[in-house]
Amino acid sequence: MTIRTAVIQRNTTETQINVEVNLDGTGTAQFQTGIPFLEHMLDQIARHGLIDLTIQAHGDLHIDAHHSVEDIGITLGMAFSEAVGNKAGIYRYGHAYVPLDEALSRVVIDFSGRPGLEFHSVFPRSSIGVFETDLFFEFFQGFVNHANVTLHIDTLRGRNSHHIAETIFKAFGRALRMALNIDQRSQNTIPSTKGCL
C-alpha cells in the first residue's frame, strides 16, 4: 500500500505555515505554533486519528491568534487534500461520538469533494486560558474549505469549555480515521456512483 503523505508550505504577509501529514501513521505529533492550547487540540487529532502530524507556524501573534489558527486550518486542509489523492478505496464517511465527563460531541465527515461546515457548539466561556473559543470555528472553516470535505460538528451537552473542545477534536480525529481507512472490499474503487470525488 502506498503511504499517503503530504508536505505543504503556505506563506502570507501574516503567517508562514509548514504542515507535514502521514495519513497512515501511528499518531506521532510535533508542533511549534506559539499557541499551546491549539497544539493540545491538534495532538488529539493525531493521537485519535492515527495520523502523524508536524506543524510549524510563525504568525502575527502580537496582534492575536486569529490569523495563525485560521491559516493552520487552511494549510492542514490542503495537506489532507493532497495526501488522500483520488480517494480510491477509502470509506469516505466517518463519524464519532466522544464524551469527556459531562461533555459529549458528535463529528460526522464526508470526503465528498464539496466544502461544507455545520458547526453547532456553544462554549460557556469566551476563552480557554488565553485561547478565544471563537477561533475553533475559524480553524474548521479553513480546514473544510481546503480539504474539500463536508463536516458536521455538534456538541450535544457540556458545561466545561475545555471538555467541550477536547470532545470535538477527539471526535474529529476518530471520524477522520474511519473515513480515511482503506476498505479491503473496494481498494481501487472511488466511493461514489459518479466515479469521482
N, C-alpha and C. Protein backbone atom coordinates (compact mmCIF):
# COMPACT_ATOMS: atom_id res chain seq x y z
N MET A 1 0.83 -1.18 0.00
CA MET A 1 0.00 0.00 0.00
C MET A 1 0.88 1.25 0.00
N THR A 2 0.52 2.22 -0.82
CA THR A 2 1.24 3.48 -0.86
C THR A 2 0.95 4.27 0.40
N ILE A 3 2.01 4.76 1.03
CA ILE A 3 1.83 5.59 2.21
C ILE A 3 1.36 6.97 1.76
N ARG A 4 0.29 7.45 2.37
CA ARG A 4 -0.33 8.71 1.94
C ARG A 4 0.22 9.86 2.78
N THR A 5 1.08 10.65 2.16
CA THR A 5 1.74 11.75 2.86
C THR A 5 1.65 13.03 2.04
N ALA A 6 1.90 14.14 2.71
CA ALA A 6 1.98 15.44 2.04
C ALA A 6 2.79 16.40 2.88
N VAL A 7 3.46 17.31 2.21
CA VAL A 7 4.17 18.41 2.85
C VAL A 7 3.70 19.69 2.16
N ILE A 8 3.14 20.61 2.93
CA ILE A 8 2.59 21.84 2.37
C ILE A 8 3.17 23.03 3.10
N GLN A 9 3.60 24.02 2.33
CA GLN A 9 4.03 25.30 2.88
C GLN A 9 3.08 26.38 2.37
N ARG A 10 2.69 27.25 3.27
CA ARG A 10 1.81 28.36 2.90
C ARG A 10 2.34 29.62 3.57
N ASN A 11 2.70 30.60 2.77
CA ASN A 11 3.29 31.82 3.29
C ASN A 11 2.47 33.03 2.86
N THR A 12 2.09 33.86 3.83
CA THR A 12 1.42 35.12 3.55
C THR A 12 2.14 36.21 4.33
N THR A 13 1.67 37.44 4.21
CA THR A 13 2.27 38.52 4.99
C THR A 13 1.93 38.40 6.47
N GLU A 14 0.93 37.54 6.79
CA GLU A 14 0.50 37.39 8.18
C GLU A 14 1.06 36.14 8.85
N THR A 15 1.24 35.06 8.06
CA THR A 15 1.68 33.79 8.64
C THR A 15 2.59 33.04 7.68
N GLN A 16 3.44 32.21 8.25
CA GLN A 16 4.24 31.25 7.49
C GLN A 16 3.99 29.88 8.14
N ILE A 17 3.37 28.98 7.37
CA ILE A 17 2.94 27.69 7.91
C ILE A 17 3.58 26.56 7.13
N ASN A 18 4.07 25.54 7.85
CA ASN A 18 4.56 24.31 7.24
C ASN A 18 3.86 23.13 7.91
N VAL A 19 3.22 22.28 7.10
CA VAL A 19 2.49 21.13 7.61
C VAL A 19 2.97 19.87 6.91
N GLU A 20 3.23 18.83 7.69
CA GLU A 20 3.53 17.51 7.17
C GLU A 20 2.54 16.52 7.75
N VAL A 21 1.91 15.71 6.88
CA VAL A 21 0.97 14.71 7.36
C VAL A 21 1.29 13.34 6.77
N ASN A 22 1.03 12.33 7.56
CA ASN A 22 1.08 10.94 7.11
C ASN A 22 -0.23 10.31 7.58
N LEU A 23 -1.14 10.08 6.63
CA LEU A 23 -2.46 9.57 6.98
C LEU A 23 -2.40 8.13 7.48
N ASP A 24 -1.31 7.44 7.24
CA ASP A 24 -1.15 6.04 7.65
C ASP A 24 -0.12 5.91 8.75
N GLY A 25 -0.14 6.86 9.67
CA GLY A 25 0.86 6.91 10.72
C GLY A 25 0.46 6.18 11.98
N THR A 26 1.08 6.58 13.08
CA THR A 26 0.84 5.96 14.38
C THR A 26 0.35 6.97 15.42
N GLY A 27 0.18 8.22 14.99
CA GLY A 27 -0.31 9.24 15.91
C GLY A 27 0.77 10.10 16.54
N THR A 28 1.97 10.10 15.96
CA THR A 28 3.03 10.96 16.50
C THR A 28 2.81 12.39 16.03
N ALA A 29 3.20 13.34 16.88
CA ALA A 29 2.94 14.74 16.56
C ALA A 29 4.05 15.63 17.08
N GLN A 30 4.36 16.66 16.30
CA GLN A 30 5.32 17.69 16.71
C GLN A 30 4.75 19.04 16.29
N PHE A 31 4.72 19.98 17.23
CA PHE A 31 4.14 21.28 16.94
C PHE A 31 5.04 22.40 17.43
N GLN A 32 5.06 23.47 16.66
CA GLN A 32 5.74 24.68 17.06
C GLN A 32 4.94 25.83 16.46
N THR A 33 3.91 26.25 17.21
CA THR A 33 2.98 27.26 16.70
C THR A 33 2.91 28.51 17.56
N GLY A 34 3.36 28.43 18.80
CA GLY A 34 3.21 29.55 19.71
C GLY A 34 1.82 29.65 20.33
N ILE A 35 0.97 28.61 20.08
CA ILE A 35 -0.41 28.62 20.60
C ILE A 35 -0.61 27.30 21.35
N PRO A 36 -0.27 27.24 22.62
CA PRO A 36 -0.26 25.97 23.35
C PRO A 36 -1.60 25.23 23.36
N PHE A 37 -2.72 25.93 23.55
CA PHE A 37 -3.98 25.20 23.62
C PHE A 37 -4.34 24.59 22.27
N LEU A 38 -4.07 25.29 21.18
CA LEU A 38 -4.31 24.72 19.85
C LEU A 38 -3.44 23.48 19.66
N GLU A 39 -2.21 23.52 20.10
CA GLU A 39 -1.33 22.35 19.99
C GLU A 39 -1.91 21.16 20.77
N HIS A 40 -2.48 21.44 21.93
CA HIS A 40 -3.13 20.38 22.72
C HIS A 40 -4.27 19.75 21.93
N MET A 41 -5.03 20.56 21.20
CA MET A 41 -6.13 20.05 20.39
C MET A 41 -5.63 19.31 19.14
N LEU A 42 -4.61 19.85 18.50
CA LEU A 42 -4.03 19.18 17.33
C LEU A 42 -3.48 17.81 17.69
N ASP A 43 -2.95 17.70 18.90
CA ASP A 43 -2.44 16.42 19.37
C ASP A 43 -3.56 15.38 19.46
N GLN A 44 -4.77 15.83 19.78
CA GLN A 44 -5.91 14.91 19.81
C GLN A 44 -6.21 14.36 18.42
N ILE A 45 -6.12 15.22 17.41
CA ILE A 45 -6.34 14.77 16.02
C ILE A 45 -5.34 13.68 15.66
N ALA A 46 -4.07 13.93 15.94
CA ALA A 46 -3.03 12.97 15.60
C ALA A 46 -3.23 11.66 16.36
N ARG A 47 -3.40 11.75 17.66
CA ARG A 47 -3.46 10.55 18.51
C ARG A 47 -4.67 9.69 18.20
N HIS A 48 -5.82 10.33 18.06
CA HIS A 48 -7.06 9.57 17.88
C HIS A 48 -7.34 9.25 16.41
N GLY A 49 -6.68 9.98 15.51
CA GLY A 49 -6.81 9.68 14.10
C GLY A 49 -5.72 8.77 13.56
N LEU A 50 -4.73 8.46 14.41
CA LEU A 50 -3.54 7.70 13.97
C LEU A 50 -2.91 8.35 12.74
N ILE A 51 -2.76 9.65 12.85
CA ILE A 51 -2.17 10.47 11.78
C ILE A 51 -0.89 11.09 12.32
N ASP A 52 0.22 10.90 11.62
CA ASP A 52 1.45 11.59 12.00
C ASP A 52 1.35 13.02 11.52
N LEU A 53 1.65 13.96 12.41
CA LEU A 53 1.37 15.36 12.11
C LEU A 53 2.48 16.25 12.65
N THR A 54 3.07 17.03 11.76
CA THR A 54 4.07 18.02 12.15
C THR A 54 3.62 19.38 11.63
N ILE A 55 3.54 20.36 12.53
CA ILE A 55 3.11 21.70 12.13
C ILE A 55 4.05 22.73 12.75
N GLN A 56 4.61 23.56 11.88
CA GLN A 56 5.39 24.71 12.31
C GLN A 56 4.69 25.96 11.79
N ALA A 57 4.49 26.91 12.67
CA ALA A 57 3.79 28.12 12.27
C ALA A 57 4.41 29.33 12.93
N HIS A 58 4.60 30.37 12.14
CA HIS A 58 5.04 31.66 12.66
C HIS A 58 4.04 32.69 12.17
N GLY A 59 3.35 33.32 13.12
CA GLY A 59 2.31 34.27 12.73
C GLY A 59 2.35 35.53 13.56
N ASP A 60 1.43 36.43 13.26
CA ASP A 60 1.39 37.73 13.92
C ASP A 60 0.65 37.64 15.26
N LEU A 61 1.20 36.83 16.16
CA LEU A 61 0.58 36.62 17.46
C LEU A 61 0.60 37.88 18.33
N HIS A 62 1.42 38.86 17.95
CA HIS A 62 1.41 40.12 18.69
C HIS A 62 0.09 40.86 18.48
N ILE A 63 -0.64 40.51 17.41
CA ILE A 63 -1.98 41.08 17.18
C ILE A 63 -2.99 40.21 17.93
N ASP A 64 -3.15 38.99 17.49
CA ASP A 64 -3.89 37.96 18.20
C ASP A 64 -3.67 36.65 17.45
N ALA A 65 -4.37 35.59 17.86
CA ALA A 65 -4.12 34.27 17.28
C ALA A 65 -4.98 33.97 16.05
N HIS A 66 -5.85 34.90 15.67
CA HIS A 66 -6.83 34.61 14.63
C HIS A 66 -6.19 34.15 13.32
N HIS A 67 -5.26 34.93 12.79
CA HIS A 67 -4.66 34.59 11.50
C HIS A 67 -3.93 33.26 11.56
N SER A 68 -3.22 33.01 12.65
CA SER A 68 -2.46 31.76 12.77
C SER A 68 -3.38 30.55 12.83
N VAL A 69 -4.43 30.63 13.65
CA VAL A 69 -5.34 29.49 13.79
C VAL A 69 -6.05 29.20 12.48
N GLU A 70 -6.56 30.24 11.83
CA GLU A 70 -7.26 30.05 10.56
C GLU A 70 -6.31 29.48 9.50
N ASP A 71 -5.10 30.02 9.42
CA ASP A 71 -4.16 29.59 8.39
C ASP A 71 -3.61 28.20 8.65
N ILE A 72 -3.51 27.80 9.91
CA ILE A 72 -3.14 26.41 10.21
C ILE A 72 -4.24 25.48 9.72
N GLY A 73 -5.50 25.85 9.96
CA GLY A 73 -6.61 25.06 9.44
C GLY A 73 -6.58 24.95 7.92
N ILE A 74 -6.32 26.07 7.25
CA ILE A 74 -6.24 26.08 5.78
C ILE A 74 -5.13 25.16 5.30
N THR A 75 -3.96 25.30 5.86
CA THR A 75 -2.80 24.53 5.41
C THR A 75 -2.96 23.05 5.72
N LEU A 76 -3.55 22.74 6.87
CA LEU A 76 -3.82 21.35 7.21
C LEU A 76 -4.82 20.76 6.22
N GLY A 77 -5.84 21.51 5.85
CA GLY A 77 -6.79 21.05 4.85
C GLY A 77 -6.13 20.79 3.50
N MET A 78 -5.24 21.67 3.08
CA MET A 78 -4.50 21.48 1.83
C MET A 78 -3.68 20.19 1.88
N ALA A 79 -3.05 19.94 3.04
CA ALA A 79 -2.23 18.74 3.19
C ALA A 79 -3.08 17.47 3.12
N PHE A 80 -4.23 17.48 3.76
CA PHE A 80 -5.12 16.32 3.70
C PHE A 80 -5.59 16.09 2.27
N SER A 81 -5.94 17.15 1.57
CA SER A 81 -6.41 17.01 0.19
C SER A 81 -5.36 16.37 -0.69
N GLU A 82 -4.10 16.79 -0.52
CA GLU A 82 -3.03 16.21 -1.33
C GLU A 82 -2.74 14.77 -0.92
N ALA A 83 -2.71 14.52 0.38
CA ALA A 83 -2.33 13.18 0.86
C ALA A 83 -3.36 12.12 0.49
N VAL A 84 -4.63 12.47 0.50
CA VAL A 84 -5.67 11.47 0.24
C VAL A 84 -5.77 11.13 -1.25
N GLY A 85 -5.26 12.01 -2.10
CA GLY A 85 -5.22 11.70 -3.55
C GLY A 85 -6.61 11.61 -4.16
N ASN A 86 -6.80 10.61 -5.02
CA ASN A 86 -8.08 10.50 -5.72
C ASN A 86 -9.16 9.80 -4.89
N LYS A 87 -8.82 9.40 -3.68
CA LYS A 87 -9.75 8.83 -2.70
C LYS A 87 -10.20 7.40 -3.03
N ALA A 88 -9.52 6.77 -3.96
CA ALA A 88 -9.87 5.38 -4.29
C ALA A 88 -9.67 4.50 -3.07
N GLY A 89 -10.69 3.72 -2.75
CA GLY A 89 -10.59 2.73 -1.70
C GLY A 89 -10.93 3.20 -0.31
N ILE A 90 -11.05 4.52 -0.08
CA ILE A 90 -11.34 4.98 1.28
C ILE A 90 -12.81 4.73 1.60
N TYR A 91 -13.11 4.68 2.89
CA TYR A 91 -14.50 4.54 3.32
C TYR A 91 -15.31 5.79 3.01
N ARG A 92 -14.63 6.93 2.92
CA ARG A 92 -15.21 8.24 2.59
C ARG A 92 -15.94 8.87 3.75
N TYR A 93 -16.82 8.15 4.40
CA TYR A 93 -17.61 8.69 5.52
C TYR A 93 -17.00 8.26 6.85
N GLY A 94 -17.05 9.15 7.82
CA GLY A 94 -16.61 8.79 9.16
C GLY A 94 -17.43 9.54 10.19
N HIS A 95 -17.61 8.93 11.34
CA HIS A 95 -18.36 9.59 12.41
C HIS A 95 -17.84 9.10 13.76
N ALA A 96 -18.05 9.92 14.76
CA ALA A 96 -17.64 9.53 16.12
C ALA A 96 -18.40 10.36 17.14
N TYR A 97 -18.77 9.70 18.22
CA TYR A 97 -19.26 10.36 19.44
C TYR A 97 -18.15 10.21 20.47
N VAL A 98 -17.80 11.31 21.12
CA VAL A 98 -16.77 11.24 22.16
C VAL A 98 -17.25 12.00 23.40
N PRO A 99 -17.23 11.33 24.56
CA PRO A 99 -17.55 12.00 25.83
C PRO A 99 -16.28 12.39 26.58
N LEU A 100 -16.40 13.38 27.40
CA LEU A 100 -15.38 13.70 28.40
C LEU A 100 -16.13 14.25 29.61
N ASP A 101 -16.25 13.43 30.63
CA ASP A 101 -17.03 13.79 31.80
C ASP A 101 -18.45 14.22 31.36
N GLU A 102 -18.83 15.47 31.62
CA GLU A 102 -20.19 15.90 31.31
C GLU A 102 -20.40 16.28 29.84
N ALA A 103 -19.33 16.42 29.09
CA ALA A 103 -19.41 16.91 27.70
C ALA A 103 -19.51 15.74 26.72
N LEU A 104 -20.24 15.97 25.63
CA LEU A 104 -20.41 14.96 24.58
C LEU A 104 -20.54 15.66 23.25
N SER A 105 -19.70 15.28 22.30
CA SER A 105 -19.76 15.86 20.95
C SER A 105 -19.81 14.76 19.90
N ARG A 106 -20.43 15.11 18.77
CA ARG A 106 -20.53 14.21 17.62
C ARG A 106 -19.92 14.92 16.41
N VAL A 107 -19.08 14.18 15.68
CA VAL A 107 -18.48 14.71 14.46
C VAL A 107 -18.75 13.72 13.34
N VAL A 108 -19.24 14.23 12.21
CA VAL A 108 -19.50 13.41 11.03
C VAL A 108 -18.81 14.08 9.85
N ILE A 109 -18.05 13.29 9.06
CA ILE A 109 -17.29 13.85 7.95
C ILE A 109 -17.53 13.04 6.69
N ASP A 110 -17.52 13.73 5.57
CA ASP A 110 -17.65 13.12 4.25
C ASP A 110 -16.59 13.73 3.35
N PHE A 111 -15.68 12.89 2.84
CA PHE A 111 -14.68 13.36 1.88
C PHE A 111 -15.34 13.46 0.50
N SER A 112 -16.27 14.39 0.41
CA SER A 112 -17.19 14.50 -0.72
C SER A 112 -16.63 15.25 -1.90
N GLY A 113 -15.58 16.04 -1.67
CA GLY A 113 -15.11 16.95 -2.71
C GLY A 113 -15.84 18.27 -2.69
N ARG A 114 -16.78 18.44 -1.76
CA ARG A 114 -17.56 19.67 -1.65
C ARG A 114 -17.38 20.23 -0.23
N PRO A 115 -16.88 21.46 -0.13
CA PRO A 115 -16.70 22.04 1.20
C PRO A 115 -18.02 22.47 1.82
N GLY A 116 -18.23 22.07 3.07
CA GLY A 116 -19.41 22.50 3.80
C GLY A 116 -19.22 22.25 5.27
N LEU A 117 -19.52 23.25 6.09
CA LEU A 117 -19.35 23.13 7.54
C LEU A 117 -20.64 23.48 8.25
N GLU A 118 -21.07 22.59 9.13
CA GLU A 118 -22.15 22.86 10.08
C GLU A 118 -21.53 22.73 11.47
N PHE A 119 -21.39 23.85 12.15
CA PHE A 119 -20.71 23.89 13.45
C PHE A 119 -21.71 24.35 14.50
N HIS A 120 -22.12 23.43 15.37
CA HIS A 120 -23.13 23.73 16.38
C HIS A 120 -22.60 23.35 17.76
N SER A 121 -21.73 24.21 18.26
CA SER A 121 -21.14 24.02 19.58
C SER A 121 -21.17 25.37 20.29
N VAL A 122 -21.65 25.36 21.51
CA VAL A 122 -21.72 26.57 22.32
C VAL A 122 -20.76 26.40 23.49
N PHE A 123 -19.87 27.38 23.63
CA PHE A 123 -18.89 27.34 24.72
C PHE A 123 -19.34 28.29 25.83
N PRO A 124 -19.41 27.80 27.08
CA PRO A 124 -19.83 28.66 28.18
C PRO A 124 -18.92 29.86 28.42
N ARG A 125 -17.65 29.73 28.06
CA ARG A 125 -16.70 30.82 28.24
C ARG A 125 -16.20 31.30 26.88
N SER A 126 -15.85 32.57 26.80
CA SER A 126 -15.35 33.13 25.54
C SER A 126 -13.89 32.77 25.29
N SER A 127 -13.21 32.27 26.32
CA SER A 127 -11.82 31.86 26.14
C SER A 127 -11.50 30.72 27.08
N ILE A 128 -10.52 29.92 26.66
CA ILE A 128 -9.97 28.86 27.49
C ILE A 128 -8.52 29.27 27.75
N GLY A 129 -8.25 29.75 28.95
CA GLY A 129 -6.97 30.42 29.16
C GLY A 129 -6.96 31.68 28.31
N VAL A 130 -5.98 31.79 27.42
CA VAL A 130 -5.92 32.95 26.53
C VAL A 130 -6.43 32.62 25.13
N PHE A 131 -6.88 31.37 24.93
CA PHE A 131 -7.35 30.95 23.60
C PHE A 131 -8.83 31.29 23.45
N GLU A 132 -9.17 32.08 22.44
CA GLU A 132 -10.55 32.50 22.21
C GLU A 132 -11.32 31.36 21.55
N THR A 133 -12.46 31.01 22.14
CA THR A 133 -13.22 29.86 21.64
C THR A 133 -13.83 30.13 20.26
N ASP A 134 -13.99 31.40 19.87
CA ASP A 134 -14.46 31.72 18.51
C ASP A 134 -13.55 31.14 17.44
N LEU A 135 -12.29 30.93 17.79
CA LEU A 135 -11.30 30.51 16.80
C LEU A 135 -11.46 29.05 16.38
N PHE A 136 -12.20 28.25 17.16
CA PHE A 136 -12.43 26.87 16.73
C PHE A 136 -13.18 26.84 15.42
N PHE A 137 -14.21 27.68 15.29
CA PHE A 137 -14.95 27.75 14.02
C PHE A 137 -14.02 28.14 12.88
N GLU A 138 -13.16 29.11 13.10
CA GLU A 138 -12.25 29.57 12.04
C GLU A 138 -11.30 28.46 11.61
N PHE A 139 -10.82 27.67 12.57
CA PHE A 139 -9.94 26.55 12.24
C PHE A 139 -10.66 25.55 11.35
N PHE A 140 -11.86 25.14 11.75
CA PHE A 140 -12.57 24.12 10.98
C PHE A 140 -13.06 24.66 9.64
N GLN A 141 -13.43 25.94 9.57
CA GLN A 141 -13.82 26.51 8.28
C GLN A 141 -12.65 26.50 7.31
N GLY A 142 -11.47 26.87 7.80
CA GLY A 142 -10.28 26.82 6.95
C GLY A 142 -9.98 25.42 6.48
N PHE A 143 -10.09 24.45 7.39
CA PHE A 143 -9.83 23.05 7.02
C PHE A 143 -10.81 22.57 5.96
N VAL A 144 -12.09 22.79 6.20
CA VAL A 144 -13.15 22.31 5.30
C VAL A 144 -12.98 22.90 3.90
N ASN A 145 -12.71 24.19 3.81
CA ASN A 145 -12.62 24.85 2.51
C ASN A 145 -11.49 24.31 1.66
N HIS A 146 -10.44 23.81 2.30
CA HIS A 146 -9.25 23.40 1.55
C HIS A 146 -9.05 21.89 1.51
N ALA A 147 -9.69 21.16 2.40
CA ALA A 147 -9.70 19.70 2.29
C ALA A 147 -10.85 19.24 1.40
N ASN A 148 -11.80 20.16 1.12
CA ASN A 148 -12.98 19.85 0.31
C ASN A 148 -13.77 18.69 0.93
N VAL A 149 -14.15 18.89 2.19
CA VAL A 149 -14.94 17.90 2.90
C VAL A 149 -16.22 18.55 3.42
N THR A 150 -17.22 17.72 3.66
CA THR A 150 -18.41 18.15 4.39
C THR A 150 -18.22 17.71 5.83
N LEU A 151 -18.42 18.64 6.77
CA LEU A 151 -18.12 18.37 8.17
C LEU A 151 -19.25 18.90 9.05
N HIS A 152 -19.82 18.02 9.85
CA HIS A 152 -20.85 18.39 10.82
C HIS A 152 -20.29 18.18 12.23
N ILE A 153 -20.32 19.24 13.03
CA ILE A 153 -19.84 19.19 14.41
C ILE A 153 -20.97 19.63 15.31
N ASP A 154 -21.36 18.77 16.22
CA ASP A 154 -22.44 19.08 17.15
C ASP A 154 -22.02 18.71 18.57
N THR A 155 -22.06 19.68 19.46
CA THR A 155 -21.88 19.37 20.88
C THR A 155 -23.27 19.15 21.48
N LEU A 156 -23.48 17.96 21.98
CA LEU A 156 -24.80 17.56 22.47
C LEU A 156 -25.04 18.01 23.90
N ARG A 157 -23.96 18.12 24.69
CA ARG A 157 -24.08 18.65 26.04
C ARG A 157 -22.68 18.99 26.55
N GLY A 158 -22.64 19.83 27.55
CA GLY A 158 -21.36 20.18 28.15
C GLY A 158 -21.45 21.48 28.94
N ARG A 159 -20.71 21.56 30.03
CA ARG A 159 -20.66 22.76 30.86
C ARG A 159 -19.26 23.36 30.90
N ASN A 160 -18.25 22.55 30.65
CA ASN A 160 -16.86 22.99 30.76
C ASN A 160 -16.29 23.19 29.36
N SER A 161 -15.85 24.41 29.08
CA SER A 161 -15.38 24.73 27.72
C SER A 161 -14.20 23.88 27.28
N HIS A 162 -13.27 23.61 28.20
CA HIS A 162 -12.13 22.76 27.88
C HIS A 162 -12.61 21.36 27.51
N HIS A 163 -13.53 20.81 28.27
CA HIS A 163 -14.06 19.49 27.97
C HIS A 163 -14.76 19.46 26.62
N ILE A 164 -15.54 20.50 26.33
CA ILE A 164 -16.25 20.56 25.05
C ILE A 164 -15.25 20.56 23.89
N ALA A 165 -14.24 21.41 23.98
CA ALA A 165 -13.24 21.48 22.91
C ALA A 165 -12.55 20.14 22.72
N GLU A 166 -12.22 19.50 23.80
CA GLU A 166 -11.50 18.23 23.69
C GLU A 166 -12.38 17.15 23.07
N THR A 167 -13.67 17.12 23.40
CA THR A 167 -14.54 16.12 22.78
C THR A 167 -14.66 16.36 21.28
N ILE A 168 -14.68 17.62 20.86
CA ILE A 168 -14.77 17.94 19.43
C ILE A 168 -13.54 17.43 18.70
N PHE A 169 -12.36 17.74 19.21
CA PHE A 169 -11.14 17.38 18.48
C PHE A 169 -10.86 15.88 18.53
N LYS A 170 -11.19 15.23 19.64
CA LYS A 170 -11.03 13.78 19.68
C LYS A 170 -11.99 13.10 18.71
N ALA A 171 -13.23 13.57 18.68
CA ALA A 171 -14.20 13.00 17.75
C ALA A 171 -13.81 13.28 16.30
N PHE A 172 -13.25 14.45 16.05
CA PHE A 172 -12.77 14.78 14.71
C PHE A 172 -11.68 13.81 14.28
N GLY A 173 -10.73 13.54 15.17
CA GLY A 173 -9.67 12.58 14.86
C GLY A 173 -10.23 11.20 14.57
N ARG A 174 -11.18 10.75 15.39
CA ARG A 174 -11.78 9.43 15.20
C ARG A 174 -12.57 9.36 13.90
N ALA A 175 -13.30 10.42 13.57
CA ALA A 175 -14.07 10.43 12.33
C ALA A 175 -13.14 10.42 11.11
N LEU A 176 -12.03 11.16 11.19
CA LEU A 176 -11.04 11.14 10.11
C LEU A 176 -10.49 9.73 9.92
N ARG A 177 -10.16 9.09 11.04
CA ARG A 177 -9.60 7.73 10.97
C ARG A 177 -10.56 6.78 10.27
N MET A 178 -11.83 6.85 10.60
CA MET A 178 -12.82 5.97 9.98
C MET A 178 -12.95 6.27 8.49
N ALA A 179 -13.06 7.54 8.14
CA ALA A 179 -13.29 7.92 6.74
C ALA A 179 -12.10 7.59 5.85
N LEU A 180 -10.90 7.71 6.38
CA LEU A 180 -9.69 7.56 5.58
C LEU A 180 -9.18 6.12 5.53
N ASN A 181 -9.73 5.23 6.35
CA ASN A 181 -9.33 3.83 6.29
C ASN A 181 -9.62 3.26 4.91
N ILE A 182 -8.79 2.32 4.50
CA ILE A 182 -8.97 1.66 3.21
C ILE A 182 -9.94 0.49 3.37
N ASP A 183 -10.96 0.48 2.55
CA ASP A 183 -11.95 -0.59 2.53
C ASP A 183 -11.37 -1.77 1.74
N GLN A 184 -11.10 -2.86 2.42
CA GLN A 184 -10.47 -4.01 1.76
C GLN A 184 -11.35 -4.61 0.67
N ARG A 185 -12.64 -4.33 0.69
CA ARG A 185 -13.55 -4.88 -0.31
C ARG A 185 -13.59 -4.04 -1.59
N SER A 186 -13.06 -2.82 -1.53
CA SER A 186 -13.09 -1.96 -2.73
C SER A 186 -11.87 -1.05 -2.76
N GLN A 187 -10.68 -1.68 -2.74
CA GLN A 187 -9.44 -0.93 -2.59
C GLN A 187 -9.15 0.02 -3.74
N ASN A 188 -9.60 -0.29 -4.93
CA ASN A 188 -9.28 0.54 -6.10
C ASN A 188 -10.49 1.28 -6.65
N THR A 189 -11.54 1.34 -5.88
CA THR A 189 -12.79 1.93 -6.35
C THR A 189 -13.04 3.29 -5.70
N ILE A 190 -13.43 4.25 -6.52
CA ILE A 190 -13.83 5.56 -5.98
C ILE A 190 -15.19 5.38 -5.31
N PRO A 191 -15.35 5.78 -4.04
CA PRO A 191 -16.60 5.55 -3.32
C PRO A 191 -17.69 6.55 -3.69
N SER A 192 -18.11 6.52 -4.95
CA SER A 192 -19.16 7.41 -5.44
C SER A 192 -19.75 6.82 -6.71
N THR A 193 -21.07 6.94 -6.88
CA THR A 193 -21.70 6.47 -8.11
C THR A 193 -21.31 7.35 -9.30
N LYS A 194 -20.76 8.56 -9.04
CA LYS A 194 -20.31 9.41 -10.13
C LYS A 194 -18.97 8.97 -10.68
N GLY A 195 -18.23 8.15 -9.92
CA GLY A 195 -16.92 7.72 -10.37
C GLY A 195 -15.80 8.66 -10.04
N CYS A 196 -16.11 9.76 -9.35
CA CYS A 196 -15.07 10.70 -8.93
C CYS A 196 -15.58 11.47 -7.72
N LEU A 197 -14.63 11.99 -6.95
CA LEU A 197 -14.97 12.83 -5.80
C LEU A 197 -14.10 14.08 -5.83
